[in-house]
Amino acid sequence: MDLLSEMPAGVDISVYFDNFFTTLKLLDRLTAEGIRASGTIRSDRLADCSLPPADQLKKKPRGTYDYRKDVASGIITLE
């Protein structure tokens, strides 16, 4: 968040990061501040997200995916 505070006001910002930094709490905070963000997330950081287990999805045909959207924050998680 400190790095983003250096950005000039009124600039359209999109942030992308890897699974080391991504958490739902961070995505929620960035969304609340009007900053678009995207990143991969570790399965153990999906505390309240009800996505099916990865091994269940592997048994389905190639290209199959599942997602959940938090209506309050607008955050979409995709598996």
C-alpha atoms as a PDB file:
ATOM      1  CA  MET A   1       0.000   0.000   0.000  1.00  0.00           C
ATOM      2  CA  ASP A   2       2.930   2.322   0.631  1.00  0.00           C
ATOM      3  CA  LEU A   3       4.042   2.055  -2.991  1.00  0.00           C
ATOM      4  CA  LEU A   4       0.566   2.919  -4.246  1.00  0.00           C
ATOM      5  CA  SER A   5       0.419   6.017  -2.049  1.00  0.00           C
ATOM      6  CA  GLU A   6       3.183   7.463  -4.267  1.00  0.00           C
ATOM      7  CA  MET A   7       0.898   7.425  -7.323  1.00  0.00           C
ATOM      8  CA  PRO A   8      -0.595  10.785  -8.362  1.00  0.00           C
ATOM      9  CA  ALA A   9      -4.287  11.278  -7.558  1.00  0.00           C
ATOM     10  CA  GLY A  10      -6.784  10.721 -10.346  1.00  0.00           C
ATOM     11  CA  VAL A  11      -4.619   8.227 -12.240  1.00  0.00           C
ATOM     12  CA  ASP A  12      -6.311   5.041 -13.445  1.00  0.00           C
ATOM     13  CA  ILE A  13      -4.315   2.235 -11.799  1.00  0.00           C
ATOM     14  CA  SER A  14      -4.306  -1.528 -12.374  1.00  0.00           C
ATOM     15  CA  VAL A  15      -2.093  -3.700 -10.187  1.00  0.00           C
ATOM     16  CA  TYR A  16      -1.060  -7.294 -10.932  1.00  0.00           C
ATOM     17  CA  PHE A  17       0.792  -9.534  -8.483  1.00  0.00           C
ATOM     18  CA  ASP A  18       1.694 -13.172  -7.844  1.00  0.00           C
ATOM     19  CA  ASN A  19       0.511 -15.591  -5.176  1.00  0.00           C
ATOM     20  CA  PHE A  20       3.103 -14.473  -2.629  1.00  0.00           C
ATOM     21  CA  PHE A  21       1.277 -11.165  -2.118  1.00  0.00           C
ATOM     22  CA  THR A  22      -2.348 -11.887  -3.039  1.00  0.00           C
ATOM     23  CA  THR A  23      -4.970 -12.117  -0.301  1.00  0.00           C
ATOM     24  CA  LEU A  24      -8.715 -11.503  -0.374  1.00  0.00           C
ATOM     25  CA  LYS A  25      -8.268  -8.800   2.267  1.00  0.00           C
ATOM     26  CA  LEU A  26      -5.772  -6.942   0.053  1.00  0.00           C
ATOM     27  CA  LEU A  27      -8.025  -7.222  -3.007  1.00  0.00           C
ATOM     28  CA  ASP A  28     -10.957  -5.929  -0.958  1.00  0.00           C
ATOM     29  CA  ARG A  29      -8.968  -2.930   0.287  1.00  0.00           C
ATOM     30  CA  LEU A  30      -7.664  -2.043  -3.172  1.00  0.00           C
ATOM     31  CA  THR A  31     -11.174  -2.318  -4.633  1.00  0.00           C
ATOM     32  CA  ALA A  32     -12.501  -0.014  -1.905  1.00  0.00           C
ATOM     33  CA  GLU A  33      -9.868   2.551  -2.849  1.00  0.00           C
ATOM     34  CA  GLY A  34     -10.798   2.369  -6.542  1.00  0.00           C
ATOM     35  CA  ILE A  35      -7.699   0.467  -7.634  1.00  0.00           C
ATOM     36  CA  ARG A  36      -8.210  -2.496  -9.964  1.00  0.00           C
ATOM     37  CA  ALA A  37      -6.166  -5.524  -8.965  1.00  0.00           C
ATOM     38  CA  SER A  38      -5.586  -9.025 -10.239  1.00  0.00           C
ATOM     39  CA  GLY A  39      -3.384 -11.879  -9.124  1.00  0.00           C
ATOM     40  CA  THR A  40      -3.035 -15.556  -8.459  1.00  0.00           C
ATOM     41  CA  ILE A  41      -3.925 -16.672  -4.960  1.00  0.00           C
ATOM     42  CA  ARG A  42      -2.947 -19.673  -2.864  1.00  0.00           C
ATOM     43  CA  SER A  43      -5.769 -22.049  -1.996  1.00  0.00           C
ATOM     44  CA  ASP A  44      -5.090 -21.712   1.749  1.00  0.00           C
ATOM     45  CA  ARG A  45      -5.853 -17.971   1.491  1.00  0.00           C
ATOM     46  CA  LEU A  46      -9.409 -18.522   0.287  1.00  0.00           C
ATOM     47  CA  ALA A  47     -10.837 -18.729   3.808  1.00  0.00           C
ATOM     48  CA  ASP A  48     -14.526 -18.030   3.164  1.00  0.00           C
ATOM     49  CA  CYS A  49     -14.632 -18.853  -0.536  1.00  0.00           C
ATOM     50  CA  SER A  50     -16.587 -22.001  -1.343  1.00  0.00           C
ATOM     51  CA  LEU A  51     -14.762 -23.136  -4.486  1.00  0.00           C
ATOM     52  CA  PRO A  52     -14.634 -26.910  -4.981  1.00  0.00           C
ATOM     53  CA  PRO A  53     -11.324 -28.680  -4.269  1.00  0.00           C
ATOM     54  CA  ALA A  54      -8.758 -28.570  -7.094  1.00  0.00           C
ATOM     55  CA  ASP A  55      -8.632 -32.368  -7.418  1.00  0.00           C
ATOM     56  CA  GLN A  56     -12.375 -32.380  -8.183  1.00  0.00           C
ATOM     57  CA  LEU A  57     -11.880 -29.882 -11.020  1.00  0.00           C
ATOM     58  CA  LYS A  58      -8.991 -31.918 -12.496  1.00  0.00           C
ATOM     59  CA  LYS A  59     -11.399 -34.801 -13.159  1.00  0.00           C
ATOM     60  CA  LYS A  60     -13.531 -32.620 -15.437  1.00  0.00           C
ATOM     61  CA  PRO A  61     -12.824 -31.935 -19.137  1.00  0.00           C
ATOM     62  CA  ARG A  62     -10.037 -29.565 -20.147  1.00  0.00           C
ATOM     63  CA  GLY A  63     -11.129 -25.925 -20.076  1.00  0.00           C
ATOM     64  CA  THR A  64     -13.637 -26.429 -17.256  1.00  0.00           C
ATOM     65  CA  TYR A  65     -13.623 -23.713 -14.620  1.00  0.00           C
ATOM     66  CA  ASP A  66     -15.614 -22.566 -11.620  1.00  0.00           C
ATOM     67  CA  TYR A  67     -15.932 -19.146 -10.025  1.00  0.00           C
ATOM     68  CA  ARG A  68     -17.504 -17.283  -7.140  1.00  0.00           C
ATOM     69  CA  LYS A  69     -18.287 -13.567  -6.834  1.00  0.00           C
ATOM     70  CA  ASP A  70     -18.565 -11.631  -3.611  1.00  0.00           C
ATOM     71  CA  VAL A  71     -21.492  -9.311  -4.220  1.00  0.00           C
ATOM     72  CA  ALA A  72     -20.483  -6.822  -1.538  1.00  0.00           C
ATOM     73  CA  SER A  73     -16.944  -6.212  -2.806  1.00  0.00           C
ATOM     74  CA  GLY A  74     -17.253  -7.351  -6.427  1.00  0.00           C
ATOM     75  CA  ILE A  75     -14.232  -9.665  -6.066  1.00  0.00           C
ATOM     76  CA  ILE A  76     -14.321 -12.697  -8.359  1.00  0.00           C
ATOM     77  CA  THR A  77     -12.352 -15.847  -7.564  1.00  0.00           C
ATOM     78  CA  LEU A  78     -11.780 -18.263 -10.419  1.00  0.00           C
ATOM     79  CA  GLU A  79     -10.522 -21.806 -10.372  1.00  0.00           C
END
